[in-house]
Amino acid sequence: MAKRIAGVAYWKVDGRQLALRGNFTISPSAFERAGIAGQDYVHGFSEVPRVPFIAGDVSLVEGTSVEDIDSMVDQTVTAELANGDVWVLRNAWRANASEINAREGQFAVRFEGESCTQL
């Protein structure tokens, strides 16, 4: 039996849906690990915290305010994927600066937060 694993997705910030254009990425990992190799064998690994994020391109449709999105802090960001997965980024803030692509009518948005969990 075939199952849809990709396609339609929805992106909401405190319940307000953004016009998701594409390049939608969810990075929920709370830690990043890197191997530590000596000259003789692998000694182990290091583990450092990392900032989870949800990012994507947003269309500049009527009602979309770049300034409003840029000013967002302490938000709850949800991602609903075609396969039924729902991810929640908590205590999120707008990261990076906006760069509007006038030719495509879109801009990239990245929210970073304290935690990102799957419901």
N, C-alpha and C. Protein backbone atom coordinates (compact mmCIF):
# COMPACT_ATOMS: atom_id res chain seq x y z
N MET A 1 0.83 -1.18 0.00
CA MET A 1 0.00 0.00 0.00
C MET A 1 0.88 1.24 0.00
N ALA A 2 0.62 2.13 -0.94
CA ALA A 2 1.41 3.36 -1.05
C ALA A 2 0.98 4.35 0.02
N LYS A 3 1.95 5.09 0.53
CA LYS A 3 1.68 6.09 1.56
C LYS A 3 2.35 7.39 1.16
N ARG A 4 1.62 8.48 1.28
CA ARG A 4 2.19 9.79 0.95
C ARG A 4 3.23 10.14 2.01
N ILE A 5 4.43 10.48 1.57
CA ILE A 5 5.49 10.85 2.51
C ILE A 5 5.99 12.28 2.30
N ALA A 6 5.57 12.93 1.24
CA ALA A 6 6.04 14.29 0.97
C ALA A 6 4.99 15.05 0.17
N GLY A 7 5.11 16.35 0.20
CA GLY A 7 4.20 17.17 -0.58
C GLY A 7 3.64 18.32 0.22
N VAL A 8 2.33 18.39 0.30
CA VAL A 8 1.64 19.50 0.95
C VAL A 8 2.12 19.66 2.39
N ALA A 9 2.36 20.91 2.78
CA ALA A 9 2.79 21.20 4.15
C ALA A 9 2.18 22.53 4.58
N TYR A 10 2.03 22.69 5.88
CA TYR A 10 1.50 23.93 6.45
C TYR A 10 2.44 24.42 7.53
N TRP A 11 2.53 25.76 7.63
CA TRP A 11 3.43 26.39 8.57
C TRP A 11 2.66 27.49 9.29
N LYS A 12 2.61 27.40 10.61
CA LYS A 12 1.87 28.39 11.39
C LYS A 12 2.74 28.95 12.51
N VAL A 13 2.53 30.24 12.77
CA VAL A 13 3.21 30.92 13.87
C VAL A 13 2.13 31.45 14.80
N ASP A 14 2.08 30.91 16.00
CA ASP A 14 1.02 31.24 16.97
C ASP A 14 -0.36 31.17 16.31
N GLY A 15 -0.59 30.14 15.51
CA GLY A 15 -1.87 29.91 14.88
C GLY A 15 -2.09 30.62 13.56
N ARG A 16 -1.22 31.55 13.20
CA ARG A 16 -1.35 32.30 11.95
C ARG A 16 -0.56 31.59 10.85
N GLN A 17 -1.25 31.18 9.79
CA GLN A 17 -0.60 30.42 8.74
C GLN A 17 0.23 31.32 7.83
N LEU A 18 1.47 30.89 7.56
CA LEU A 18 2.32 31.58 6.60
C LEU A 18 2.13 30.93 5.24
N ALA A 19 2.27 31.70 4.16
CA ALA A 19 2.13 31.19 2.80
C ALA A 19 3.42 30.47 2.41
N LEU A 20 3.51 29.22 2.76
CA LEU A 20 4.73 28.43 2.55
C LEU A 20 4.97 28.20 1.07
N ARG A 21 6.13 28.62 0.61
CA ARG A 21 6.48 28.51 -0.81
C ARG A 21 7.30 27.27 -1.09
N GLY A 22 8.27 26.97 -0.24
CA GLY A 22 9.14 25.82 -0.46
C GLY A 22 10.36 25.87 0.42
N ASN A 23 11.29 24.97 0.13
CA ASN A 23 12.54 24.85 0.89
C ASN A 23 12.27 24.74 2.38
N PHE A 24 11.27 23.97 2.74
CA PHE A 24 10.84 23.83 4.13
C PHE A 24 11.73 22.83 4.85
N THR A 25 12.38 23.26 5.92
CA THR A 25 13.31 22.43 6.66
C THR A 25 13.01 22.50 8.15
N ILE A 26 13.01 21.33 8.78
CA ILE A 26 12.83 21.24 10.22
C ILE A 26 14.08 20.58 10.78
N SER A 27 14.70 21.23 11.73
CA SER A 27 15.91 20.69 12.35
C SER A 27 15.69 20.62 13.86
N PRO A 28 15.19 19.47 14.35
CA PRO A 28 14.80 19.38 15.76
C PRO A 28 15.91 18.99 16.74
N SER A 29 17.05 18.60 16.24
CA SER A 29 18.10 18.05 17.11
C SER A 29 18.58 19.06 18.15
N ALA A 30 18.63 18.61 19.40
CA ALA A 30 19.06 19.48 20.50
C ALA A 30 20.57 19.44 20.71
N PHE A 31 21.23 18.41 20.17
CA PHE A 31 22.68 18.27 20.34
C PHE A 31 23.34 17.92 19.02
N GLU A 32 24.60 18.28 18.92
CA GLU A 32 25.41 17.92 17.77
C GLU A 32 26.63 17.18 18.28
N ARG A 33 26.90 16.06 17.67
CA ARG A 33 28.05 15.25 18.10
C ARG A 33 29.10 15.19 16.99
N ALA A 34 30.34 15.19 17.40
CA ALA A 34 31.45 15.08 16.46
C ALA A 34 32.45 14.07 17.01
N GLY A 35 32.88 13.19 16.14
CA GLY A 35 33.86 12.19 16.54
C GLY A 35 35.22 12.81 16.85
N ILE A 36 35.90 12.19 17.82
CA ILE A 36 37.25 12.62 18.17
C ILE A 36 38.17 11.43 17.94
N ALA A 37 39.04 11.58 16.95
CA ALA A 37 39.97 10.51 16.62
C ALA A 37 41.38 10.90 17.04
N GLY A 38 42.05 9.97 17.65
CA GLY A 38 43.46 10.17 17.97
C GLY A 38 44.30 9.62 16.83
N GLN A 39 45.57 9.56 17.04
CA GLN A 39 46.45 8.98 16.02
C GLN A 39 46.42 7.46 16.06
N ASP A 40 45.82 6.90 17.10
CA ASP A 40 45.82 5.45 17.25
C ASP A 40 44.43 4.83 17.08
N TYR A 41 43.36 5.49 17.54
CA TYR A 41 42.00 4.95 17.42
C TYR A 41 41.00 6.07 17.72
N VAL A 42 39.73 5.77 17.56
CA VAL A 42 38.69 6.74 17.88
C VAL A 42 38.56 6.80 19.40
N HIS A 43 38.74 7.98 19.96
CA HIS A 43 38.72 8.17 21.40
C HIS A 43 37.32 8.39 21.94
N GLY A 44 36.41 8.81 21.11
CA GLY A 44 35.05 9.09 21.54
C GLY A 44 34.45 10.21 20.74
N PHE A 45 33.63 11.01 21.39
CA PHE A 45 32.99 12.11 20.68
C PHE A 45 32.74 13.28 21.63
N SER A 46 32.55 14.44 21.02
CA SER A 46 32.13 15.61 21.79
C SER A 46 30.66 15.84 21.52
N GLU A 47 29.99 16.47 22.47
CA GLU A 47 28.57 16.76 22.31
C GLU A 47 28.32 18.18 22.79
N VAL A 48 27.76 19.00 21.91
CA VAL A 48 27.46 20.38 22.27
C VAL A 48 26.00 20.68 21.92
N PRO A 49 25.37 21.58 22.68
CA PRO A 49 24.00 21.96 22.36
C PRO A 49 23.94 22.68 21.02
N ARG A 50 22.81 22.58 20.36
CA ARG A 50 22.59 23.33 19.14
C ARG A 50 21.19 23.91 19.18
N VAL A 51 20.93 24.90 18.37
CA VAL A 51 19.65 25.59 18.35
C VAL A 51 18.75 24.95 17.30
N PRO A 52 17.62 24.35 17.71
CA PRO A 52 16.68 23.79 16.75
C PRO A 52 16.03 24.91 15.92
N PHE A 53 15.59 24.56 14.70
CA PHE A 53 14.96 25.58 13.86
C PHE A 53 13.95 24.98 12.89
N ILE A 54 13.09 25.86 12.39
CA ILE A 54 12.18 25.57 11.28
C ILE A 54 12.36 26.72 10.30
N ALA A 55 12.62 26.40 9.04
CA ALA A 55 12.90 27.44 8.04
C ALA A 55 12.23 27.10 6.72
N GLY A 56 11.93 28.13 5.96
CA GLY A 56 11.35 27.93 4.64
C GLY A 56 11.17 29.25 3.92
N ASP A 57 10.72 29.15 2.67
CA ASP A 57 10.44 30.33 1.87
C ASP A 57 8.97 30.67 1.99
N VAL A 58 8.67 31.96 2.14
CA VAL A 58 7.32 32.45 2.29
C VAL A 58 6.97 33.34 1.11
N SER A 59 5.79 33.12 0.51
CA SER A 59 5.33 33.97 -0.58
C SER A 59 4.86 35.31 -0.03
N LEU A 60 5.07 36.35 -0.80
CA LEU A 60 4.65 37.69 -0.41
C LEU A 60 3.21 37.93 -0.87
N VAL A 61 2.29 37.18 -0.30
CA VAL A 61 0.88 37.33 -0.62
C VAL A 61 0.29 38.45 0.23
N GLU A 62 -0.90 38.90 -0.15
CA GLU A 62 -1.57 39.95 0.60
C GLU A 62 -1.75 39.51 2.05
N GLY A 63 -1.42 40.40 2.97
CA GLY A 63 -1.52 40.10 4.39
C GLY A 63 -0.23 39.62 5.01
N THR A 64 0.79 39.36 4.19
CA THR A 64 2.09 38.95 4.71
C THR A 64 2.94 40.19 4.92
N SER A 65 3.33 40.45 6.15
CA SER A 65 4.14 41.61 6.49
C SER A 65 5.54 41.15 6.92
N VAL A 66 6.53 41.53 6.13
CA VAL A 66 7.91 41.19 6.46
C VAL A 66 8.28 41.80 7.81
N GLU A 67 7.86 43.03 8.05
CA GLU A 67 8.17 43.70 9.32
C GLU A 67 7.56 42.95 10.51
N ASP A 68 6.31 42.49 10.35
CA ASP A 68 5.68 41.74 11.44
C ASP A 68 6.44 40.45 11.73
N ILE A 69 6.81 39.75 10.68
CA ILE A 69 7.54 38.48 10.86
C ILE A 69 8.91 38.75 11.47
N ASP A 70 9.58 39.80 11.02
CA ASP A 70 10.91 40.13 11.56
C ASP A 70 10.86 40.46 13.05
N SER A 71 9.75 40.96 13.53
CA SER A 71 9.66 41.37 14.94
C SER A 71 9.22 40.24 15.87
N MET A 72 8.98 39.05 15.33
CA MET A 72 8.44 37.96 16.15
C MET A 72 9.47 37.37 17.11
N VAL A 73 9.09 37.27 18.38
CA VAL A 73 9.88 36.60 19.41
C VAL A 73 8.91 35.85 20.31
N ASP A 74 9.40 34.85 21.01
CA ASP A 74 8.61 34.05 21.94
C ASP A 74 7.34 33.51 21.30
N GLN A 75 7.51 32.87 20.15
CA GLN A 75 6.40 32.33 19.37
C GLN A 75 6.36 30.81 19.45
N THR A 76 5.21 30.25 19.14
CA THR A 76 5.07 28.81 18.95
C THR A 76 4.90 28.57 17.46
N VAL A 77 5.83 27.85 16.87
CA VAL A 77 5.83 27.61 15.43
C VAL A 77 5.50 26.14 15.19
N THR A 78 4.51 25.87 14.35
CA THR A 78 4.15 24.48 14.04
C THR A 78 4.35 24.20 12.56
N ALA A 79 4.76 22.98 12.28
CA ALA A 79 4.93 22.49 10.92
C ALA A 79 4.10 21.22 10.78
N GLU A 80 3.18 21.22 9.83
CA GLU A 80 2.34 20.06 9.56
C GLU A 80 2.74 19.51 8.20
N LEU A 81 3.22 18.27 8.17
CA LEU A 81 3.77 17.68 6.95
C LEU A 81 2.78 16.74 6.28
N ALA A 82 3.04 16.44 5.01
CA ALA A 82 2.16 15.60 4.20
C ALA A 82 2.00 14.20 4.77
N ASN A 83 2.99 13.72 5.48
CA ASN A 83 2.92 12.35 6.03
C ASN A 83 2.17 12.30 7.36
N GLY A 84 1.64 13.46 7.80
CA GLY A 84 0.88 13.51 9.05
C GLY A 84 1.69 13.95 10.25
N ASP A 85 3.00 14.05 10.12
CA ASP A 85 3.84 14.50 11.24
C ASP A 85 3.56 15.96 11.55
N VAL A 86 3.57 16.29 12.82
CA VAL A 86 3.44 17.67 13.28
C VAL A 86 4.61 17.96 14.21
N TRP A 87 5.32 19.04 13.93
CA TRP A 87 6.47 19.46 14.74
C TRP A 87 6.14 20.80 15.38
N VAL A 88 6.59 20.99 16.62
CA VAL A 88 6.34 22.23 17.34
C VAL A 88 7.68 22.80 17.84
N LEU A 89 7.95 24.03 17.43
CA LEU A 89 9.13 24.76 17.89
C LEU A 89 8.65 25.77 18.93
N ARG A 90 9.17 25.65 20.14
CA ARG A 90 8.67 26.47 21.25
C ARG A 90 9.63 27.62 21.59
N ASN A 91 9.02 28.69 22.12
CA ASN A 91 9.78 29.88 22.51
C ASN A 91 10.69 30.34 21.38
N ALA A 92 10.12 30.44 20.21
CA ALA A 92 10.91 30.72 18.99
C ALA A 92 11.00 32.21 18.70
N TRP A 93 12.06 32.55 18.02
CA TRP A 93 12.30 33.93 17.58
C TRP A 93 12.68 33.90 16.11
N ARG A 94 12.44 35.03 15.46
CA ARG A 94 12.83 35.18 14.05
C ARG A 94 14.33 35.35 14.01
N ALA A 95 15.00 34.46 13.30
CA ALA A 95 16.46 34.52 13.17
C ALA A 95 16.81 35.07 11.79
N ASN A 96 18.03 35.51 11.64
CA ASN A 96 18.54 36.03 10.37
C ASN A 96 17.81 37.31 9.95
N ALA A 97 18.29 37.90 8.89
CA ALA A 97 17.68 39.11 8.34
C ALA A 97 16.89 38.75 7.08
N SER A 98 15.85 39.50 6.82
CA SER A 98 15.03 39.24 5.62
C SER A 98 15.72 39.77 4.37
N GLU A 99 15.67 38.96 3.35
CA GLU A 99 16.13 39.34 2.02
C GLU A 99 15.02 38.96 1.06
N ILE A 100 14.37 39.96 0.50
CA ILE A 100 13.22 39.73 -0.37
C ILE A 100 13.69 39.46 -1.78
N ASN A 101 13.21 38.36 -2.35
CA ASN A 101 13.49 38.01 -3.74
C ASN A 101 12.32 38.55 -4.56
N ALA A 102 12.48 39.75 -5.12
CA ALA A 102 11.40 40.42 -5.84
C ALA A 102 11.01 39.67 -7.11
N ARG A 103 11.96 39.04 -7.75
CA ARG A 103 11.66 38.30 -8.98
C ARG A 103 10.72 37.14 -8.70
N GLU A 104 10.92 36.45 -7.56
CA GLU A 104 10.11 35.28 -7.22
C GLU A 104 8.95 35.61 -6.27
N GLY A 105 8.94 36.84 -5.72
CA GLY A 105 7.88 37.23 -4.80
C GLY A 105 7.89 36.43 -3.51
N GLN A 106 9.08 36.27 -2.94
CA GLN A 106 9.22 35.47 -1.74
C GLN A 106 10.39 35.95 -0.90
N PHE A 107 10.46 35.45 0.34
CA PHE A 107 11.62 35.69 1.18
C PHE A 107 11.79 34.50 2.11
N ALA A 108 13.04 34.27 2.52
CA ALA A 108 13.36 33.14 3.39
C ALA A 108 13.12 33.55 4.84
N VAL A 109 12.51 32.63 5.60
CA VAL A 109 12.24 32.87 7.02
C VAL A 109 12.80 31.70 7.82
N ARG A 110 13.48 32.03 8.89
CA ARG A 110 14.02 31.00 9.79
C ARG A 110 13.65 31.38 11.22
N PHE A 111 12.99 30.43 11.88
CA PHE A 111 12.69 30.58 13.30
C PHE A 111 13.58 29.62 14.06
N GLU A 112 14.22 30.12 15.11
CA GLU A 112 15.00 29.28 16.01
C GLU A 112 14.30 29.31 17.36
N GLY A 113 14.45 28.24 18.13
CA GLY A 113 13.77 28.19 19.41
C GLY A 113 14.49 27.32 20.42
N GLU A 114 13.88 27.22 21.59
CA GLU A 114 14.49 26.48 22.68
C GLU A 114 14.37 24.97 22.51
N SER A 115 13.26 24.52 21.93
CA SER A 115 13.07 23.08 21.71
C SER A 115 12.15 22.85 20.53
N CYS A 116 12.33 21.72 19.87
CA CYS A 116 11.48 21.33 18.74
C CYS A 116 11.12 19.87 18.95
N THR A 117 9.82 19.60 19.10
CA THR A 117 9.37 18.24 19.37
C THR A 117 8.30 17.81 18.38
N GLN A 118 8.23 16.51 18.18
CA GLN A 118 7.21 15.93 17.31
C GLN A 118 6.01 15.54 18.15
N LEU A 119 4.83 15.90 17.70
CA LEU A 119 3.61 15.52 18.42
C LEU A 119 3.17 14.13 18.03
